[in-house]
Amino acid sequence: MRNPPAGATGLQLARVPQDDTARRIQAQVGGRWVCWYGHATGHYWAMPRAIDGWYGAVEATTPDRLAALIARFETDSGRGGRP
């Protein structure tokens, strides 16, 4: 593996439509979760910005499944979609 060129700030991946889908999910949940599409895994991912007592990430194969997981975690945590 070669070292990145001097001054390189990070790996730049080609954008795919799934990236925009992940951004839409993040916007739909009011930014309470950071959402992204895993180019290497082919799955959608999300991490809460602040759910007391829980730190981690959720993974789903479809955008609908990711949204459902987020809703479940928010309900279980008592946040109920509050900012």
Protein backbone atom coordinates (compact mmCIF):
# COMPACT_ATOMS: atom_id res chain seq x y z
CA MET A 1 0.00 0.00 0.00
CA ARG A 2 1.36 3.41 -0.94
CA ASN A 3 1.36 6.41 1.34
CA PRO A 4 -0.97 9.26 0.38
CA PRO A 5 0.63 12.28 -1.30
CA ALA A 6 1.91 15.01 0.97
CA GLY A 7 -0.91 17.35 1.93
CA ALA A 8 -3.65 14.82 1.22
CA THR A 9 -6.53 15.26 3.65
CA GLY A 10 -8.27 11.93 3.14
CA LEU A 11 -9.73 9.43 0.78
CA GLN A 12 -12.24 10.82 -1.69
CA LEU A 13 -14.87 8.31 -2.79
CA ALA A 14 -17.01 8.74 -5.85
CA ARG A 15 -20.49 9.86 -4.87
CA VAL A 16 -23.29 7.41 -5.47
CA PRO A 17 -27.07 7.98 -5.23
CA GLN A 18 -27.12 6.13 -1.91
CA ASP A 19 -25.06 8.95 -0.37
CA ASP A 20 -27.90 11.38 -1.06
CA THR A 21 -30.41 8.88 0.33
CA ALA A 22 -28.46 8.73 3.60
CA ARG A 23 -28.37 12.54 3.75
CA ARG A 24 -32.16 12.64 3.29
CA ILE A 25 -32.64 10.20 6.16
CA GLN A 26 -30.41 12.37 8.34
CA ALA A 27 -32.48 15.43 7.44
CA GLN A 28 -35.73 13.55 8.13
CA VAL A 29 -34.63 12.78 11.69
CA GLY A 30 -33.72 16.40 12.28
CA GLY A 31 -29.98 15.79 12.38
CA ARG A 32 -30.29 13.87 15.66
CA TRP A 33 -28.47 11.02 13.92
CA VAL A 34 -25.46 11.09 11.62
CA CYS A 35 -26.28 8.88 8.64
CA TRP A 36 -24.15 7.59 5.81
CA TYR A 37 -23.91 4.92 3.15
CA GLY A 38 -21.04 2.47 3.55
CA HIS A 39 -19.37 2.18 0.17
CA ALA A 40 -17.43 -0.89 1.29
CA THR A 41 -20.35 -2.66 3.01
CA GLY A 42 -23.17 -1.58 0.74
CA HIS A 43 -25.26 -0.86 3.85
CA TYR A 44 -26.75 2.24 5.44
CA TRP A 45 -25.40 3.33 8.82
CA ALA A 46 -26.39 5.77 11.55
CA MET A 47 -25.06 6.94 14.91
CA PRO A 48 -27.06 9.03 17.38
CA ARG A 49 -25.66 12.39 18.34
CA ALA A 50 -26.99 12.05 21.90
CA ILE A 51 -29.01 9.18 23.31
CA ASP A 52 -28.20 8.95 26.97
CA GLY A 53 -26.70 5.65 27.96
CA TRP A 54 -26.28 4.29 24.45
CA TYR A 55 -23.27 4.67 22.21
CA GLY A 56 -22.95 2.80 18.97
CA ALA A 57 -24.13 2.53 15.41
CA VAL A 58 -27.00 0.84 13.63
CA GLU A 59 -26.71 -0.81 10.24
CA ALA A 60 -29.38 -1.67 7.68
CA THR A 61 -29.48 -2.99 4.15
CA THR A 62 -32.20 -0.56 3.01
CA PRO A 63 -33.10 3.07 3.72
CA ASP A 64 -36.53 2.06 5.04
CA ARG A 65 -34.98 -0.40 7.47
CA LEU A 66 -32.52 2.25 8.71
CA ALA A 67 -35.36 4.72 9.30
CA ALA A 68 -37.28 2.02 11.21
CA LEU A 69 -34.25 1.24 13.39
CA ILE A 70 -33.76 4.92 14.18
CA ALA A 71 -37.45 5.28 15.10
CA ARG A 72 -37.22 2.23 17.37
CA PHE A 73 -34.14 3.51 19.18
CA GLU A 74 -35.72 6.92 19.66
CA THR A 75 -38.91 5.36 21.02
CA ASP A 76 -37.01 2.98 23.30
CA SER A 77 -34.85 5.83 24.61
CA GLY A 78 -37.89 7.99 25.35
CA ARG A 79 -36.83 10.67 22.90
CA GLY A 80 -39.74 10.09 20.57
CA GLY A 81 -38.21 12.22 17.83
CA ARG A 82 -37.52 15.22 20.04
CA PRO A 83 -34.46 17.29 19.15
